[in-house]
Amino acid sequence: MIERPQAGQIAVSTAGRDAGTKYLIVKVLDDRYVEVVDGQKRVWNRPKKKNCRHLLLVGMAGRDLQAALAEGRPLRNSELRSELREQGAEERQEGDR
């Protein structure tokens, strides 16, 4: 069963020159494409359009970010970077167990 991406999920790019980059999905455009941001190169007001087949879904963002996305509230790039950093730390801790 293939998991469908949704706003608020964290994903890693698997193809293209941005392969390995961690993103936050901010909008699902259709069955094939989503808009993603990373808070550095792809900032909140300039999301990247990405093919869903080129993303590996790795988790969900924190409740605060999910609530902001649901309300349509803009996020600060520092919040995005912080959330993606925290997600990476959680993955490393799980791998140590």
Foldseek 3Di string as FASTA:
>chain_A
DDDADDAQWKKAFCDDPRHRDIWGFLADPDRFWTWTAQLPPQNQVRTDIDTPVRIDTDGGFDPVNVVCSVVVHGDHSVVNNVRRVVSVVVVVVVVVD
